[in-house]
Amino acid sequence: MTSEDAKTLQQLEFNIRQMIRIIDRLRTENKNLKSALEECEVEIELLKEEVEMQKQDYNTLQMARVIDVSDSDKAMTRSRLNALIREVDKCINIIKN
Protein backbone atom coordinates (compact mmCIF):
# COMPACT_ATOMS: atom_id res chain seq x y z
CA MET A 1 0.00 0.00 0.00
CA THR A 2 1.41 3.36 -0.97
CA SER A 3 1.43 6.45 1.17
CA GLU A 4 -1.24 7.94 -1.07
CA ASP A 5 -3.46 4.91 -0.48
CA ALA A 6 -2.84 5.22 3.25
CA LYS A 7 -3.86 8.89 3.19
CA THR A 8 -6.99 8.06 1.21
CA LEU A 9 -7.83 5.30 3.68
CA GLN A 10 -7.29 7.63 6.64
CA GLN A 11 -9.49 10.28 5.01
CA LEU A 12 -12.16 7.65 4.39
CA GLU A 13 -12.02 6.48 8.02
CA PHE A 14 -12.24 10.09 9.20
CA ASN A 15 -15.26 10.76 7.00
CA ILE A 16 -16.96 7.57 8.18
CA ARG A 17 -16.41 8.52 11.85
CA GLN A 18 -17.85 11.99 11.18
CA MET A 19 -20.87 10.48 9.47
CA ILE A 20 -21.39 8.11 12.41
CA ARG A 21 -21.27 11.06 14.84
CA ILE A 22 -23.74 12.98 12.69
CA ILE A 23 -26.05 9.98 12.49
CA ASP A 24 -25.92 9.53 16.27
CA ARG A 25 -26.67 13.22 16.80
CA LEU A 26 -29.55 13.09 14.33
CA ARG A 27 -30.95 9.95 15.99
CA THR A 28 -30.87 11.69 19.37
CA GLU A 29 -32.48 14.80 17.92
CA ASN A 30 -35.13 12.70 16.18
CA LYS A 31 -35.89 10.87 19.43
CA ASN A 32 -36.24 14.20 21.28
CA LEU A 33 -38.48 15.62 18.57
CA LYS A 34 -40.71 12.54 18.60
CA SER A 35 -41.01 12.84 22.36
CA ALA A 36 -41.89 16.53 22.10
CA LEU A 37 -44.42 15.76 19.38
CA GLU A 38 -46.11 13.16 21.57
CA GLU A 39 -46.30 15.65 24.43
CA CYS A 40 -47.82 18.26 22.12
CA GLU A 41 -50.37 15.77 20.80
CA VAL A 42 -51.41 14.88 24.35
CA GLU A 43 -51.70 18.57 25.23
CA ILE A 44 -53.76 19.20 22.08
CA GLU A 45 -56.16 16.42 23.03
CA LEU A 46 -56.53 17.81 26.54
CA LEU A 47 -57.17 21.30 25.16
CA LYS A 48 -59.73 19.94 22.70
CA GLU A 49 -61.56 18.24 25.57
CA GLU A 50 -61.44 21.45 27.59
CA VAL A 51 -62.80 23.47 24.66
CA GLU A 52 -65.63 20.98 24.23
CA MET A 53 -66.50 21.21 27.93
CA GLN A 54 -66.41 25.01 27.73
CA LYS A 55 -68.76 24.93 24.74
CA GLN A 56 -71.16 22.68 26.62
CA ASP A 57 -71.02 24.95 29.67
CA TYR A 58 -71.62 27.99 27.48
CA ASN A 59 -74.60 26.37 25.76
CA THR A 60 -76.04 25.34 29.12
CA LEU A 61 -75.60 28.87 30.45
CA GLN A 62 -77.24 30.35 27.37
CA MET A 63 -80.23 28.03 27.80
CA ALA A 64 -80.48 28.87 31.46
CA ARG A 65 -80.49 32.58 30.67
CA VAL A 66 -83.28 32.13 28.14
CA ILE A 67 -85.37 30.10 30.55
CA ASP A 68 -84.68 32.28 33.57
CA VAL A 69 -86.53 35.47 32.77
CA SER A 70 -87.03 37.07 36.13
CA ASP A 71 -90.22 38.79 37.26
CA SER A 72 -88.44 42.13 37.48
CA ASP A 73 -87.44 41.83 33.82
CA LYS A 74 -91.04 41.05 32.90
CA ALA A 75 -92.35 43.97 34.95
CA MET A 76 -89.77 46.36 33.50
CA THR A 77 -90.59 45.27 29.94
CA ARG A 78 -94.32 45.57 30.62
CA SER A 79 -93.93 49.09 32.04
CA ARG A 80 -91.80 50.20 29.07
CA LEU A 81 -94.38 48.83 26.66
CA ASN A 82 -97.18 50.58 28.55
CA ALA A 83 -95.24 53.86 28.42
CA LEU A 84 -94.73 53.48 24.68
CA ILE A 85 -98.42 52.70 24.17
CA ARG A 86 -99.40 55.82 26.15
CA GLU A 87 -97.03 57.89 24.03
CA VAL A 88 -98.52 56.49 20.82
CA ASP A 89 -102.03 57.17 22.16
CA LYS A 90 -101.03 60.78 22.86
CA CYS A 91 -99.68 61.15 19.33
CA ILE A 92 -102.90 59.70 17.88
CA ASN A 93 -105.00 62.12 19.97
CA ILE A 94 -102.90 65.07 18.81
CA ILE A 95 -103.32 64.03 15.17
CA LYS A 96 -107.12 63.61 15.61
CA ASN A 97 -107.55 67.08 17.12
PDB file of N, CA and C in Angstrom:
ATOM      1  N   MET A   1       0.852  -1.164   0.000  1.00  0.00           N
ATOM      2  CA  MET A   1       0.000   0.000   0.000  1.00  0.00           C
ATOM      3  C   MET A   1       0.906   1.237   0.000  1.00  0.00           C
ATOM      4  N   THR A   2       0.600   2.154  -0.855  1.00  0.00           N
ATOM      5  CA  THR A   2       1.409   3.359  -0.969  1.00  0.00           C
ATOM      6  C   THR A   2       0.966   4.379   0.065  1.00  0.00           C
ATOM      7  N   SER A   3       1.770   5.400   0.212  1.00  0.00           N
ATOM      8  CA  SER A   3       1.429   6.449   1.167  1.00  0.00           C
ATOM      9  C   SER A   3       0.173   7.193   0.730  1.00  0.00           C
ATOM     10  N   GLU A   4      -0.029   7.281  -0.562  1.00  0.00           N
ATOM     11  CA  GLU A   4      -1.241   7.937  -1.067  1.00  0.00           C
ATOM     12  C   GLU A   4      -2.468   7.102  -0.733  1.00  0.00           C
ATOM     13  N   ASP A   5      -2.357   5.809  -0.843  1.00  0.00           N
ATOM     14  CA  ASP A   5      -3.458   4.911  -0.480  1.00  0.00           C
ATOM     15  C   ASP A   5      -3.733   5.003   1.017  1.00  0.00           C
ATOM     16  N   ALA A   6      -2.678   5.109   1.802  1.00  0.00           N
ATOM     17  CA  ALA A   6      -2.836   5.218   3.254  1.00  0.00           C
ATOM     18  C   ALA A   6      -3.553   6.518   3.606  1.00  0.00           C
ATOM     19  N   LYS A   7      -3.184   7.604   2.941  1.00  0.00           N
ATOM     20  CA  LYS A   7      -3.857   8.888   3.190  1.00  0.00           C
ATOM     21  C   LYS A   7      -5.334   8.807   2.807  1.00  0.00           C
ATOM     22  N   THR A   8      -5.606   8.211   1.673  1.00  0.00           N
ATOM     23  CA  THR A   8      -6.989   8.059   1.212  1.00  0.00           C
ATOM     24  C   THR A   8      -7.783   7.219   2.199  1.00  0.00           C
ATOM     25  N   LEU A   9      -7.169   6.164   2.694  1.00  0.00           N
ATOM     26  CA  LEU A   9      -7.831   5.302   3.679  1.00  0.00           C
ATOM     27  C   LEU A   9      -8.077   6.053   4.977  1.00  0.00           C
ATOM     28  N   GLN A  10      -7.110   6.829   5.432  1.00  0.00           N
ATOM     29  CA  GLN A  10      -7.289   7.635   6.644  1.00  0.00           C
ATOM     30  C   GLN A  10      -8.414   8.649   6.464  1.00  0.00           C
ATOM     31  N   GLN A  11      -8.436   9.298   5.302  1.00  0.00           N
ATOM     32  CA  GLN A  11      -9.489  10.280   5.014  1.00  0.00           C
ATOM     33  C   GLN A  11     -10.858   9.597   5.000  1.00  0.00           C
ATOM     34  N   LEU A  12     -10.915   8.409   4.427  1.00  0.00           N
ATOM     35  CA  LEU A  12     -12.162   7.646   4.387  1.00  0.00           C
ATOM     36  C   LEU A  12     -12.612   7.279   5.800  1.00  0.00           C
ATOM     37  N   GLU A  13     -11.693   6.813   6.621  1.00  0.00           N
ATOM     38  CA  GLU A  13     -12.017   6.475   8.016  1.00  0.00           C
ATOM     39  C   GLU A  13     -12.505   7.710   8.769  1.00  0.00           C
ATOM     40  N   PHE A  14     -11.837   8.844   8.555  1.00  0.00           N
ATOM     41  CA  PHE A  14     -12.237  10.090   9.202  1.00  0.00           C
ATOM     42  C   PHE A  14     -13.651  10.482   8.787  1.00  0.00           C
ATOM     43  N   ASN A  15     -13.923  10.409   7.497  1.00  0.00           N
ATOM     44  CA  ASN A  15     -15.256  10.757   6.995  1.00  0.00           C
ATOM     45  C   ASN A  15     -16.324   9.820   7.555  1.00  0.00           C
ATOM     46  N   ILE A  16     -15.999   8.539   7.639  1.00  0.00           N
ATOM     47  CA  ILE A  16     -16.960   7.567   8.184  1.00  0.00           C
ATOM     48  C   ILE A  16     -17.245   7.863   9.651  1.00  0.00           C
ATOM     49  N   ARG A  17     -16.219   8.183  10.427  1.00  0.00           N
ATOM     50  CA  ARG A  17     -16.413   8.521  11.847  1.00  0.00           C
ATOM     51  C   ARG A  17     -17.288   9.777  11.983  1.00  0.00           C
ATOM     52  N   GLN A  18     -17.035  10.772  11.138  1.00  0.00           N
ATOM     53  CA  GLN A  18     -17.846  11.991  11.180  1.00  0.00           C
ATOM     54  C   GLN A  18     -19.302  11.677  10.852  1.00  0.00           C
ATOM     55  N   MET A  19     -19.503  10.843   9.838  1.00  0.00           N
ATOM     56  CA  MET A  19     -20.871  10.481   9.475  1.00  0.00           C
ATOM     57  C   MET A  19     -21.548   9.709  10.603  1.00  0.00           C
ATOM     58  N   ILE A  20     -20.816   8.851  11.282  1.00  0.00           N
ATOM     59  CA  ILE A  20     -21.387   8.109  12.410  1.00  0.00           C
ATOM     60  C   ILE A  20     -21.783   9.069  13.523  1.00  0.00           C
ATOM     61  N   ARG A  21     -20.934  10.056  13.821  1.00  0.00           N
ATOM     62  CA  ARG A  21     -21.272  11.058  14.840  1.00  0.00           C
ATOM     63  C   ARG A  21     -22.516  11.846  14.437  1.00  0.00           C
ATOM     64  N   ILE A  22     -22.571  12.228  13.180  1.00  0.00           N
ATOM     65  CA  ILE A  22     -23.736  12.981  12.694  1.00  0.00           C
ATOM     66  C   ILE A  22     -24.999  12.133  12.794  1.00  0.00           C
ATOM     67  N   ILE A  23     -24.893  10.874  12.410  1.00  0.00           N
ATOM     68  CA  ILE A  23     -26.049   9.977  12.488  1.00  0.00           C
ATOM     69  C   ILE A  23     -26.496   9.821  13.930  1.00  0.00           C
ATOM     70  N   ASP A  24     -25.569   9.653  14.850  1.00  0.00           N
ATOM     71  CA  ASP A  24     -25.924   9.530  16.271  1.00  0.00           C
ATOM     72  C   ASP A  24     -26.613  10.795  16.777  1.00  0.00           C
ATOM     73  N   ARG A  25     -26.065  11.950  16.385  1.00  0.00           N
ATOM     74  CA  ARG A  25     -26.670  13.219  16.805  1.00  0.00           C
ATOM     75  C   ARG A  25     -28.079  13.354  16.232  1.00  0.00           C
ATOM     76  N   LEU A  26     -28.239  12.994  14.964  1.00  0.00           N
ATOM     77  CA  LEU A  26     -29.554  13.087  14.329  1.00  0.00           C
ATOM     78  C   LEU A  26     -30.553  12.109  14.950  1.00  0.00           C
ATOM     79  N   ARG A  27     -30.062  10.917  15.316  1.00  0.00           N
ATOM     80  CA  ARG A  27     -30.948   9.950  15.985  1.00  0.00           C
ATOM     81  C   ARG A  27     -31.434  10.497  17.325  1.00  0.00           C
ATOM     82  N   THR A  28     -30.506  11.099  18.080  1.00  0.00           N
ATOM     83  CA  THR A  28     -30.872  11.686  19.369  1.00  0.00           C
ATOM     84  C   THR A  28     -31.868  12.830  19.164  1.00  0.00           C
ATOM     85  N   GLU A  29     -31.577  13.680  18.201  1.00  0.00           N
ATOM     86  CA  GLU A  29     -32.479  14.798  17.919  1.00  0.00           C
ATOM     87  C   GLU A  29     -33.850  14.294  17.479  1.00  0.00           C
ATOM     88  N   ASN A  30     -33.873  13.283  16.648  1.00  0.00           N
ATOM     89  CA  ASN A  30     -35.129  12.695  16.184  1.00  0.00           C
ATOM     90  C   ASN A  30     -35.931  12.121  17.348  1.00  0.00           C
ATOM     91  N   LYS A  31     -35.236  11.447  18.250  1.00  0.00           N
ATOM     92  CA  LYS A  31     -35.893  10.871  19.432  1.00  0.00           C
ATOM     93  C   LYS A  31     -36.505  11.988  20.280  1.00  0.00           C
ATOM     94  N   ASN A  32     -35.738  13.067  20.490  1.00  0.00           N
ATOM     95  CA  ASN A  32     -36.239  14.195  21.278  1.00  0.00           C
ATOM     96  C   ASN A  32     -37.443  14.854  20.606  1.00  0.00           C
ATOM     97  N   LEU A  33     -37.372  15.005  19.293  1.00  0.00           N
ATOM     98  CA  LEU A  33     -38.480  15.616  18.566  1.00  0.00           C
ATOM     99  C   LEU A  33     -39.737  14.748  18.609  1.00  0.00           C
ATOM    100  N   LYS A  34     -39.554  13.439  18.504  1.00  0.00           N
ATOM    101  CA  LYS A  34     -40.709  12.538  18.602  1.00  0.00           C
ATOM    102  C   LYS A  34     -41.342  12.628  19.986  1.00  0.00           C
ATOM    103  N   SER A  35     -40.509  12.709  20.995  1.00  0.00           N
ATOM    104  CA  SER A  35     -41.011  12.838  22.359  1.00  0.00           C
ATOM    105  C   SER A  35     -41.777  14.144  22.533  1.00  0.00           C
ATOM    106  N   ALA A  36     -41.220  15.231  22.016  1.00  0.00           N
ATOM    107  CA  ALA A  36     -41.888  16.534  22.100  1.00  0.00           C
ATOM    108  C   ALA A  36     -43.195  16.514  21.322  1.00  0.00           C
ATOM    109  N   LEU A  37     -43.211  15.867  20.189  1.00  0.00           N
ATOM    110  CA  LEU A  37     -44.419  15.762  19.378  1.00  0.00           C
ATOM    111  C   LEU A  37     -45.510  15.010  20.139  1.00  0.00           C
ATOM    112  N   GLU A  38     -45.138  13.917  20.778  1.00  0.00           N
ATOM    113  CA  GLU A  38     -46.112  13.157  21.566  1.00  0.00           C
ATOM    114  C   GLU A  38     -46.689  14.009  22.691  1.00  0.00           C
ATOM    115  N   GLU A  39     -45.835  14.768  23.366  1.00  0.00           N
ATOM    116  CA  GLU A  39     -46.304  15.647  24.433  1.00  0.00           C
ATOM    117  C   GLU A  39     -47.277  16.697  23.891  1.00  0.00           C
ATOM    118  N   CYS A  40     -46.945  17.251  22.732  1.00  0.00           N
ATOM    119  CA  CYS A  40     -47.817  18.255  22.118  1.00  0.00           C
ATOM    120  C   CYS A  40     -49.155  17.646  21.715  1.00  0.00           C
ATOM    121  N   GLU A  41     -49.127  16.431  21.196  1.00  0.00           N
ATOM    122  CA  GLU A  41     -50.369  15.767  20.803  1.00  0.00           C
ATOM    123  C   GLU A  41     -51.255  15.506  22.018  1.00  0.00           C
ATOM    124  N   VAL A  42     -50.645  15.102  23.117  1.00  0.00           N
ATOM    125  CA  VAL A  42     -51.411  14.883  24.349  1.00  0.00           C
ATOM    126  C   VAL A  42     -52.013  16.196  24.820  1.00  0.00           C
ATOM    127  N   GLU A  43     -51.211  17.259  24.796  1.00  0.00           N
ATOM    128  CA  GLU A  43     -51.701  18.569  25.226  1.00  0.00           C
ATOM    129  C   GLU A  43     -52.829  19.054  24.318  1.00  0.00           C
ATOM    130  N   ILE A  44     -52.711  18.812  23.021  1.00  0.00           N
ATOM    131  CA  ILE A  44     -53.762  19.203  22.079  1.00  0.00           C
ATOM    132  C   ILE A  44     -55.053  18.477  22.407  1.00  0.00           C
ATOM    133  N   GLU A  45     -54.965  17.193  22.688  1.00  0.00           N
ATOM    134  CA  GLU A  45     -56.164  16.422  23.029  1.00  0.00           C
ATOM    135  C   GLU A  45     -56.810  16.954  24.305  1.00  0.00           C
ATOM    136  N   LEU A  46     -55.986  17.267  25.299  1.00  0.00           N
ATOM    137  CA  LEU A  46     -56.526  17.810  26.539  1.00  0.00           C
ATOM    138  C   LEU A  46     -57.208  19.151  26.291  1.00  0.00           C
ATOM    139  N   LEU A  47     -56.589  19.995  25.475  1.00  0.00           N
ATOM    140  CA  LEU A  47     -57.168  21.305  25.165  1.00  0.00           C
ATOM    141  C   LEU A  47     -58.459  21.161  24.362  1.00  0.00           C
ATOM    142  N   LYS A  48     -58.504  20.184  23.456  1.00  0.00           N
ATOM    143  CA  LYS A  48     -59.733  19.939  22.699  1.00  0.00           C
ATOM    144  C   LYS A  48     -60.860  19.536  23.644  1.00  0.00           C
ATOM    145  N   GLU A  49     -60.553  18.661  24.594  1.00  0.00           N
ATOM    146  CA  GLU A  49     -61.558  18.241  25.574  1.00  0.00           C
ATOM    147  C   GLU A  49     -62.030  19.434  26.396  1.00  0.00           C
ATOM    148  N   GLU A  50     -61.084  20.277  26.796  1.00  0.00           N
ATOM    149  CA  GLU A  50     -61.439  21.454  27.588  1.00  0.00           C
ATOM    150  C   GLU A  50     -62.319  22.406  26.783  1.00  0.00           C
ATOM    151  N   VAL A  51     -61.994  22.608  25.514  1.00  0.00           N
ATOM    152  CA  VAL A  51     -62.802  23.474  24.656  1.00  0.00           C
ATOM    153  C   VAL A  51     -64.211  22.907  24.527  1.00  0.00           C
ATOM    154  N   GLU A  52     -64.315  21.609  24.348  1.00  0.00           N
ATOM    155  CA  GLU A  52     -65.629  20.981  24.228  1.00  0.00           C
ATOM    156  C   GLU A  52     -66.446  21.161  25.506  1.00  0.00           C
ATOM    157  N   MET A  53     -65.797  20.996  26.661  1.00  0.00           N
ATOM    158  CA  MET A  53     -66.497  21.208  27.931  1.00  0.00           C
ATOM    159  C   MET A  53     -66.927  22.661  28.069  1.00  0.00           C
ATOM    160  N   GLN A  54     -66.060  23.589  27.657  1.00  0.00           N
ATOM    161  CA  GLN A  54     -66.412  25.010  27.733  1.00  0.00           C
ATOM    162  C   GLN A  54     -67.599  25.327  26.825  1.00  0.00           C
ATOM    163  N   LYS A  55     -67.631  24.723  25.642  1.00  0.00           N
ATOM    164  CA  LYS A  55     -68.760  24.925  24.735  1.00  0.00           C
ATOM    165  C   LYS A  55     -70.052  24.416  25.361  1.00  0.00           C
ATOM    166  N   GLN A  56     -69.969  23.237  25.978  1.00  0.00           N
ATOM    167  CA  GLN A  56     -71.160  22.679  26.622  1.00  0.00           C
ATOM    168  C   GLN A  56     -71.615  23.570  27.773  1.00  0.00           C
ATOM    169  N   ASP A  57     -70.673  24.052  28.569  1.00  0.00           N
ATOM    170  CA  ASP A  57     -71.022  24.949  29.670  1.00  0.00           C
ATOM    171  C   ASP A  57     -71.652  26.229  29.142  1.00  0.00           C
ATOM    172  N   TYR A  58     -71.095  26.762  28.065  1.00  0.00           N
ATOM    173  CA  TYR A  58     -71.618  27.989  27.479  1.00  0.00           C
ATOM    174  C   TYR A  58     -73.047  27.775  26.971  1.00  0.00           C
ATOM    175  N   ASN A  59     -73.262  26.663  26.275  1.00  0.00           N
ATOM    176  CA  ASN A  59     -74.601  26.368  25.765  1.00  0.00           C
ATOM    177  C   ASN A  59     -75.599  26.189  26.903  1.00  0.00           C
ATOM    178  N   THR A  60     -75.174  25.528  27.962  1.00  0.00           N
ATOM    179  CA  THR A  60     -76.043  25.338  29.119  1.00  0.00           C
ATOM    180  C   THR A  60     -76.380  26.686  29.749  1.00  0.00           C
ATOM    181  N   LEU A  61     -75.383  27.543  29.871  1.00  0.00           N
ATOM    182  CA  LEU A  61     -75.598  28.869  30.453  1.00  0.00           C
ATOM    183  C   LEU A  61     -76.541  29.696  29.581  1.00  0.00           C
ATOM    184  N   GLN A  62     -76.360  29.624  28.270  1.00  0.00           N
ATOM    185  CA  GLN A  62     -77.244  30.355  27.367  1.00  0.00           C
ATOM    186  C   GLN A  62     -78.689  29.877  27.525  1.00  0.00           C
ATOM    187  N   MET A  63     -78.876  28.576  27.613  1.00  0.00           N
ATOM    188  CA  MET A  63     -80.228  28.030  27.798  1.00  0.00           C
ATOM    189  C   MET A  63     -80.811  28.486  29.119  1.00  0.00           C
ATOM    190  N   ALA A  64     -80.004  28.470  30.140  1.00  0.00           N
ATOM    191  CA  ALA A  64     -80.482  28.873  31.461  1.00  0.00           C
ATOM    192  C   ALA A  64     -80.887  30.345  31.448  1.00  0.00           C
ATOM    193  N   ARG A  65     -80.161  31.155  30.733  1.00  0.00           N
ATOM    194  CA  ARG A  65     -80.488  32.584  30.669  1.00  0.00           C
ATOM    195  C   ARG A  65     -81.789  32.802  29.918  1.00  0.00           C
ATOM    196  N   VAL A  66     -82.040  32.002  28.885  1.00  0.00           N
ATOM    197  CA  VAL A  66     -83.282  32.133  28.136  1.00  0.00           C
ATOM    198  C   VAL A  66     -84.464  31.705  29.000  1.00  0.00           C
ATOM    199  N   ILE A  67     -84.287  30.631  29.715  1.00  0.00           N
ATOM    200  CA  ILE A  67     -85.370  30.096  30.546  1.00  0.00           C
ATOM    201  C   ILE A  67     -85.620  30.981  31.756  1.00  0.00           C
ATOM    202  N   ASP A  68     -84.576  31.525  32.325  1.00  0.00           N
ATOM    203  CA  ASP A  68     -84.682  32.279  33.573  1.00  0.00           C
ATOM    204  C   ASP A  68     -84.921  33.766  33.309  1.00  0.00           C
ATOM    205  N   VAL A  69     -86.146  34.073  32.917  1.00  0.00           N
ATOM    206  CA  VAL A  69     -86.531  35.474  32.774  1.00  0.00           C
ATOM    207  C   VAL A  69     -87.182  35.859  34.091  1.00  0.00           C
ATOM    208  N   SER A  70     -86.551  36.743  34.786  1.00  0.00           N
ATOM    209  CA  SER A  70     -87.032  37.073  36.129  1.00  0.00           C
ATOM    210  C   SER A  70     -88.277  37.946  36.065  1.00  0.00           C
ATOM    211  N   ASP A  71     -89.001  37.989  37.172  1.00  0.00           N
ATOM    212  CA  ASP A  71     -90.221  38.790  37.262  1.00  0.00           C
ATOM    213  C   ASP A  71     -89.918  40.270  37.106  1.00  0.00           C
ATOM    214  N   SER A  72     -88.782  40.706  37.614  1.00  0.00           N
ATOM    215  CA  SER A  72     -88.445  42.127  37.485  1.00  0.00           C
ATOM    216  C   SER A  72     -88.216  42.489  36.022  1.00  0.00           C
ATOM    217  N   ASP A  73     -87.614  41.573  35.251  1.00  0.00           N
ATOM    218  CA  ASP A  73     -87.444  41.827  33.816  1.00  0.00           C
ATOM    219  C   ASP A  73     -88.791  41.914  33.123  1.00  0.00           C
ATOM    220  N   LYS A  74     -89.703  41.018  33.488  1.00  0.00           N
ATOM    221  CA  LYS A  74     -91.039  41.050  32.900  1.00  0.00           C
ATOM    222  C   LYS A  74     -91.745  42.353  33.254  1.00  0.00           C
ATOM    223  N   ALA A  75     -91.675  42.751  34.508  1.00  0.00           N
ATOM    224  CA  ALA A  75     -92.351  43.969  34.954  1.00  0.00           C
ATOM    225  C   ALA A  75     -91.751  45.192  34.262  1.00  0.00           C
ATOM    226  N   MET A  76     -90.432  45.230  34.145  1.00  0.00           N
ATOM    227  CA  MET A  76     -89.774  46.359  33.498  1.00  0.00           C
ATOM    228  C   MET A  76     -90.178  46.425  32.022  1.00  0.00           C
ATOM    229  N   THR A  77     -90.201  45.310  31.350  1.00  0.00           N
ATOM    230  CA  THR A  77     -90.593  45.267  29.944  1.00  0.00           C
ATOM    231  C   THR A  77     -92.045  45.692  29.787  1.00  0.00           C
ATOM    232  N   ARG A  78     -92.907  45.204  30.664  1.00  0.00           N
ATOM    233  CA  ARG A  78     -94.320  45.568  30.619  1.00  0.00           C
ATOM    234  C   ARG A  78     -94.498  47.076  30.818  1.00  0.00           C
ATOM    235  N   SER A  79     -93.790  47.654  31.781  1.00  0.00           N
ATOM    236  CA  SER A  79     -93.934  49.094  32.042  1.00  0.00           C
ATOM    237  C   SER A  79     -93.411  49.923  30.872  1.00  0.00           C
ATOM    238  N   ARG A  80     -92.320  49.480  30.237  1.00  0.00           N
ATOM    239  CA  ARG A  80     -91.799  50.200  29.073  1.00  0.00           C
ATOM    240  C   ARG A  80     -92.787  50.138  27.912  1.00  0.00           C
ATOM    241  N   LEU A  81     -93.388  48.958  27.719  1.00  0.00           N
ATOM    242  CA  LEU A  81     -94.385  48.828  26.660  1.00  0.00           C
ATOM    243  C   LEU A  81     -95.597  49.714  26.943  1.00  0.00           C
ATOM    244  N   ASN A  82     -96.041  49.729  28.186  1.00  0.00           N
ATOM    245  CA  ASN A  82     -97.178  50.579  28.553  1.00  0.00           C
ATOM    246  C   ASN A  82     -96.859  52.048  28.314  1.00  0.00           C
ATOM    247  N   ALA A  83     -95.639  52.465  28.643  1.00  0.00           N
ATOM    248  CA  ALA A  83     -95.240  53.855  28.423  1.00  0.00           C
ATOM    249  C   ALA A  83     -95.229  54.176  26.929  1.00  0.00           C
ATOM    250  N   LEU A  84     -94.744  53.265  26.130  1.00  0.00           N
ATOM    251  CA  LEU A  84     -94.727  53.479  24.675  1.00  0.00           C
ATOM    252  C   LEU A  84     -96.150  53.548  24.121  1.00  0.00           C
ATOM    253  N   ILE A  85     -97.021  52.687  24.628  1.00  0.00           N
ATOM    254  CA  ILE A  85     -98.422  52.703  24.175  1.00  0.00           C
ATOM    255  C   ILE A  85     -99.078  54.028  24.537  1.00  0.00           C
ATOM    256  N   ARG A  86     -98.846  54.519  25.748  1.00  0.00           N
ATOM    257  CA  ARG A  86     -99.401  55.817  26.152  1.00  0.00           C
ATOM    258  C   ARG A  86     -98.899  56.935  25.243  1.00  0.00           C
ATOM    259  N   GLU A  87     -97.606  56.869  24.901  1.00  0.00           N
ATOM    260  CA  GLU A  87     -97.032  57.890  24.029  1.00  0.00           C
ATOM    261  C   GLU A  87     -97.669  57.842  22.644  1.00  0.00           C
ATOM    262  N   VAL A  88     -97.868  56.644  22.127  1.00  0.00           N
ATOM    263  CA  VAL A  88     -98.516  56.488  20.823  1.00  0.00           C
ATOM    264  C   VAL A  88     -99.950  57.012  20.898  1.00  0.00           C
ATOM    265  N   ASP A  89    -100.664  56.681  21.975  1.00  0.00           N
ATOM    266  CA  ASP A  89    -102.032  57.169  22.155  1.00  0.00           C
ATOM    267  C   ASP A  89    -102.063  58.690  22.161  1.00  0.00           C
ATOM    268  N   LYS A  90    -101.102  59.321  22.839  1.00  0.00           N
ATOM    269  CA  LYS A  90    -101.032  60.782  22.864  1.00  0.00           C
ATOM    270  C   LYS A  90    -100.838  61.334  21.460  1.00  0.00           C
ATOM    271  N   CYS A  91     -99.935  60.690  20.707  1.00  0.00           N
ATOM    272  CA  CYS A  91     -99.685  61.150  19.332  1.00  0.00           C
ATOM    273  C   CYS A  91    -100.941  61.014  18.473  1.00  0.00           C
ATOM    274  N   ILE A  92    -101.658  59.899  18.633  1.00  0.00           N
ATOM    275  CA  ILE A  92    -102.904  59.696  17.878  1.00  0.00           C
ATOM    276  C   ILE A  92    -103.914  60.763  18.240  1.00  0.00           C
ATOM    277  N   ASN A  93    -104.052  61.082  19.530  1.00  0.00           N
ATOM    278  CA  ASN A  93    -104.996  62.118  19.969  1.00  0.00           C
ATOM    279  C   ASN A  93    -104.624  63.483  19.413  1.00  0.00           C
ATOM    280  N   ILE A  94    -103.356  63.792  19.349  1.00  0.00           N
ATOM    281  CA  ILE A  94    -102.903  65.073  18.809  1.00  0.00           C
ATOM    282  C   ILE A  94    -103.242  65.145  17.316  1.00  0.00           C
ATOM    283  N   ILE A  95    -103.048  64.060  16.618  1.00  0.00           N
ATOM    284  CA  ILE A  95    -103.324  64.029  15.171  1.00  0.00           C
ATOM    285  C   ILE A  95    -104.819  64.177  14.927  1.00  0.00           C
ATOM    286  N   LYS A  96    -105.672  63.540  15.768  1.00  0.00           N
ATOM    287  CA  LYS A  96    -107.120  63.612  15.606  1.00  0.00           C
ATOM    288  C   LYS A  96    -107.631  65.025  15.840  1.00  0.00           C
ATOM    289  N   ASN A  97    -107.049  65.727  16.765  1.00  0.00           N
ATOM    290  CA  ASN A  97    -107.546  67.075  17.125  1.00  0.00           C
ATOM    291  C   ASN A  97    -107.004  68.048  16.198  1.00  0.00           C
TER     292      ASN A  97
END
